[in-house]
Amino acid sequence: MRMKRTKLAYKQAIKTNRVDEESYFSDELNDLLLSKDVSKFWRSWDAKMGGAKISPVIDGVTDSSLIAQKFADLFQNNCC
């Protein structure tokens, strides 16, 4: 019986900690947005979410300069 209570308390502690962690992230990010501190917001976002994920292949191309050129061409054709 004692083992079940201990296991239940353990699971409850994990759940409480997870909820507190999620609340802390959203509260901190919300405060930075409200203060209109965009650079700190994105630094905090990257720190919490693991930074930017870069795709190794975009439209069949892996070289960053070719990807940039394809984007520029597409943007120019659609916006002008």
N, C-alpha and C. Protein backbone atom coordinates (compact mmCIF):
# COMPACT_ATOMS: atom_id res chain seq x y z
N MET A 1 0.83 -1.20 0.00
CA MET A 1 0.00 0.00 0.00
C MET A 1 0.87 1.26 0.00
N ARG A 2 1.92 1.25 0.80
CA ARG A 2 2.80 2.41 0.89
C ARG A 2 3.48 2.68 -0.46
N MET A 3 3.80 1.61 -1.18
CA MET A 3 4.46 1.74 -2.47
C MET A 3 3.54 2.46 -3.46
N LYS A 4 2.24 2.15 -3.43
CA LYS A 4 1.29 2.80 -4.34
C LYS A 4 1.20 4.29 -4.03
N ARG A 5 1.17 4.64 -2.74
CA ARG A 5 1.10 6.06 -2.37
C ARG A 5 2.35 6.80 -2.81
N THR A 6 3.49 6.17 -2.67
CA THR A 6 4.75 6.78 -3.07
C THR A 6 4.79 6.99 -4.58
N LYS A 7 4.34 5.98 -5.31
CA LYS A 7 4.31 6.09 -6.77
C LYS A 7 3.36 7.19 -7.22
N LEU A 8 2.20 7.28 -6.59
CA LEU A 8 1.22 8.32 -6.90
C LEU A 8 1.79 9.70 -6.59
N ALA A 9 2.46 9.84 -5.46
CA ALA A 9 3.07 11.12 -5.10
C ALA A 9 4.16 11.50 -6.10
N TYR A 10 4.93 10.53 -6.54
CA TYR A 10 5.98 10.76 -7.53
C TYR A 10 5.38 11.26 -8.85
N LYS A 11 4.35 10.58 -9.33
CA LYS A 11 3.70 10.99 -10.58
C LYS A 11 3.09 12.39 -10.45
N GLN A 12 2.49 12.68 -9.31
CA GLN A 12 1.89 13.99 -9.09
C GLN A 12 2.96 15.08 -9.08
N ALA A 13 4.11 14.79 -8.49
CA ALA A 13 5.21 15.77 -8.45
C ALA A 13 5.72 16.05 -9.86
N ILE A 14 5.83 15.03 -10.68
CA ILE A 14 6.27 15.23 -12.07
C ILE A 14 5.26 16.08 -12.82
N LYS A 15 3.99 15.78 -12.66
CA LYS A 15 2.94 16.55 -13.35
C LYS A 15 2.95 18.02 -12.91
N THR A 16 3.07 18.24 -11.60
CA THR A 16 3.10 19.61 -11.07
C THR A 16 4.31 20.37 -11.60
N ASN A 17 5.45 19.71 -11.63
CA ASN A 17 6.67 20.34 -12.12
C ASN A 17 6.55 20.68 -13.59
N ARG A 18 5.94 19.81 -14.39
CA ARG A 18 5.77 20.05 -15.82
C ARG A 18 4.85 21.26 -16.05
N VAL A 19 3.77 21.34 -15.31
CA VAL A 19 2.83 22.46 -15.44
C VAL A 19 3.52 23.77 -15.03
N ASP A 20 4.28 23.74 -13.95
CA ASP A 20 5.01 24.94 -13.51
C ASP A 20 6.02 25.39 -14.56
N GLU A 21 6.71 24.43 -15.17
CA GLU A 21 7.71 24.74 -16.19
C GLU A 21 7.06 25.40 -17.40
N GLU A 22 5.95 24.84 -17.88
CA GLU A 22 5.25 25.41 -19.03
C GLU A 22 4.73 26.80 -18.71
N SER A 23 4.22 26.99 -17.50
CA SER A 23 3.72 28.30 -17.09
C SER A 23 4.85 29.31 -17.04
N TYR A 24 6.00 28.91 -16.54
CA TYR A 24 7.15 29.81 -16.45
C TYR A 24 7.56 30.26 -17.84
N PHE A 25 7.65 29.33 -18.80
CA PHE A 25 8.04 29.69 -20.15
C PHE A 25 7.07 30.69 -20.74
N SER A 26 5.79 30.41 -20.64
CA SER A 26 4.81 31.29 -21.26
C SER A 26 4.75 32.64 -20.54
N ASP A 27 4.89 32.66 -19.21
CA ASP A 27 4.87 33.92 -18.48
C ASP A 27 6.06 34.80 -18.86
N GLU A 28 7.24 34.19 -18.92
CA GLU A 28 8.43 34.98 -19.26
C GLU A 28 8.34 35.53 -20.68
N LEU A 29 7.93 34.69 -21.62
CA LEU A 29 7.81 35.14 -23.01
C LEU A 29 6.73 36.20 -23.13
N ASN A 30 5.64 36.03 -22.42
CA ASN A 30 4.56 37.02 -22.44
C ASN A 30 5.05 38.36 -21.89
N ASP A 31 5.80 38.33 -20.79
CA ASP A 31 6.32 39.57 -20.22
C ASP A 31 7.24 40.29 -21.19
N LEU A 32 8.08 39.53 -21.89
CA LEU A 32 8.98 40.15 -22.86
C LEU A 32 8.21 40.75 -24.04
N LEU A 33 7.15 40.07 -24.46
CA LEU A 33 6.33 40.63 -25.53
C LEU A 33 5.63 41.91 -25.09
N LEU A 34 5.09 41.88 -23.88
CA LEU A 34 4.39 43.06 -23.37
C LEU A 34 5.32 44.26 -23.21
N SER A 35 6.57 43.98 -22.86
CA SER A 35 7.53 45.07 -22.71
C SER A 35 8.10 45.51 -24.06
N LYS A 36 7.69 44.82 -25.12
CA LYS A 36 8.10 45.13 -26.49
C LYS A 36 9.61 45.04 -26.68
N ASP A 37 10.22 44.12 -25.95
CA ASP A 37 11.65 43.88 -26.08
C ASP A 37 11.84 42.67 -27.00
N VAL A 38 11.83 42.95 -28.29
CA VAL A 38 11.82 41.89 -29.29
C VAL A 38 13.10 41.07 -29.27
N SER A 39 14.25 41.72 -29.14
CA SER A 39 15.50 40.96 -29.17
C SER A 39 15.61 40.01 -27.98
N LYS A 40 15.22 40.45 -26.78
CA LYS A 40 15.23 39.55 -25.62
C LYS A 40 14.20 38.45 -25.77
N PHE A 41 13.05 38.78 -26.37
CA PHE A 41 12.03 37.76 -26.60
C PHE A 41 12.59 36.63 -27.45
N TRP A 42 13.22 36.97 -28.58
CA TRP A 42 13.71 35.93 -29.48
C TRP A 42 14.89 35.18 -28.88
N ARG A 43 15.74 35.86 -28.10
CA ARG A 43 16.83 35.15 -27.41
C ARG A 43 16.25 34.14 -26.43
N SER A 44 15.23 34.56 -25.69
CA SER A 44 14.58 33.66 -24.74
C SER A 44 13.89 32.51 -25.47
N TRP A 45 13.21 32.82 -26.55
CA TRP A 45 12.53 31.81 -27.35
C TRP A 45 13.53 30.74 -27.83
N ASP A 46 14.65 31.20 -28.41
CA ASP A 46 15.66 30.27 -28.92
C ASP A 46 16.24 29.42 -27.80
N ALA A 47 16.47 30.03 -26.64
CA ALA A 47 17.02 29.28 -25.51
C ALA A 47 16.04 28.20 -25.03
N LYS A 48 14.76 28.52 -25.03
CA LYS A 48 13.76 27.58 -24.51
C LYS A 48 13.35 26.53 -25.54
N MET A 49 13.32 26.91 -26.78
CA MET A 49 12.82 26.01 -27.82
C MET A 49 13.92 25.32 -28.60
N GLY A 50 15.15 25.54 -28.25
CA GLY A 50 16.24 24.83 -28.90
C GLY A 50 16.81 25.52 -30.12
N GLY A 51 16.51 26.77 -30.33
CA GLY A 51 17.07 27.51 -31.45
C GLY A 51 16.39 27.19 -32.77
N ALA A 52 16.87 27.82 -33.79
CA ALA A 52 16.30 27.66 -35.12
C ALA A 52 16.69 26.31 -35.70
N LYS A 53 15.76 25.68 -36.34
CA LYS A 53 16.01 24.43 -37.03
C LYS A 53 16.20 24.75 -38.51
N ILE A 54 17.35 24.40 -39.04
CA ILE A 54 17.66 24.71 -40.43
C ILE A 54 17.43 23.47 -41.27
N SER A 55 16.66 23.62 -42.32
CA SER A 55 16.38 22.50 -43.20
C SER A 55 17.58 22.28 -44.12
N PRO A 56 18.06 21.06 -44.22
CA PRO A 56 19.21 20.81 -45.08
C PRO A 56 18.88 20.85 -46.57
N VAL A 57 17.61 20.64 -46.94
CA VAL A 57 17.21 20.64 -48.34
C VAL A 57 15.95 21.48 -48.50
N ILE A 58 16.03 22.49 -49.38
CA ILE A 58 14.87 23.33 -49.67
C ILE A 58 14.71 23.36 -51.18
N ASP A 59 13.57 22.88 -51.62
CA ASP A 59 13.27 22.83 -53.06
C ASP A 59 14.36 22.09 -53.83
N GLY A 60 14.91 21.04 -53.21
CA GLY A 60 15.93 20.22 -53.87
C GLY A 60 17.33 20.80 -53.83
N VAL A 61 17.54 21.91 -53.13
CA VAL A 61 18.84 22.57 -53.09
C VAL A 61 19.36 22.58 -51.65
N THR A 62 20.67 22.35 -51.49
CA THR A 62 21.26 22.36 -50.15
C THR A 62 22.20 23.54 -49.91
N ASP A 63 22.69 24.16 -50.95
CA ASP A 63 23.62 25.29 -50.81
C ASP A 63 22.85 26.55 -50.40
N SER A 64 23.28 27.20 -49.33
CA SER A 64 22.53 28.35 -48.81
C SER A 64 22.48 29.52 -49.79
N SER A 65 23.53 29.74 -50.55
CA SER A 65 23.50 30.85 -51.51
C SER A 65 22.53 30.57 -52.66
N LEU A 66 22.44 29.31 -53.09
CA LEU A 66 21.48 28.96 -54.14
C LEU A 66 20.05 29.05 -53.61
N ILE A 67 19.85 28.65 -52.36
CA ILE A 67 18.52 28.77 -51.75
C ILE A 67 18.11 30.23 -51.68
N ALA A 68 19.04 31.10 -51.27
CA ALA A 68 18.75 32.53 -51.19
C ALA A 68 18.42 33.09 -52.57
N GLN A 69 19.14 32.67 -53.59
CA GLN A 69 18.88 33.16 -54.94
C GLN A 69 17.52 32.68 -55.45
N LYS A 70 17.16 31.43 -55.16
CA LYS A 70 15.84 30.92 -55.56
C LYS A 70 14.74 31.72 -54.88
N PHE A 71 14.94 32.03 -53.59
CA PHE A 71 13.95 32.83 -52.88
C PHE A 71 13.84 34.22 -53.49
N ALA A 72 14.98 34.84 -53.78
CA ALA A 72 14.97 36.18 -54.37
C ALA A 72 14.24 36.18 -55.72
N ASP A 73 14.52 35.17 -56.54
CA ASP A 73 13.86 35.07 -57.84
C ASP A 73 12.35 34.89 -57.68
N LEU A 74 11.96 33.99 -56.80
CA LEU A 74 10.54 33.74 -56.55
C LEU A 74 9.85 35.00 -56.03
N PHE A 75 10.50 35.69 -55.08
CA PHE A 75 9.93 36.90 -54.51
C PHE A 75 9.78 37.99 -55.58
N GLN A 76 10.81 38.13 -56.39
CA GLN A 76 10.77 39.15 -57.46
C GLN A 76 9.66 38.86 -58.46
N ASN A 77 9.50 37.61 -58.83
CA ASN A 77 8.48 37.24 -59.82
C ASN A 77 7.06 37.42 -59.28
N ASN A 78 6.87 37.20 -57.99
CA ASN A 78 5.54 37.28 -57.40
C ASN A 78 5.16 38.67 -56.93
N CYS A 79 6.14 39.52 -56.67
CA CYS A 79 5.83 40.82 -56.08
C CYS A 79 5.97 41.98 -57.06
N CYS A 80 6.50 41.76 -58.22
CA CYS A 80 6.70 42.88 -59.15
C CYS A 80 5.85 42.77 -60.38
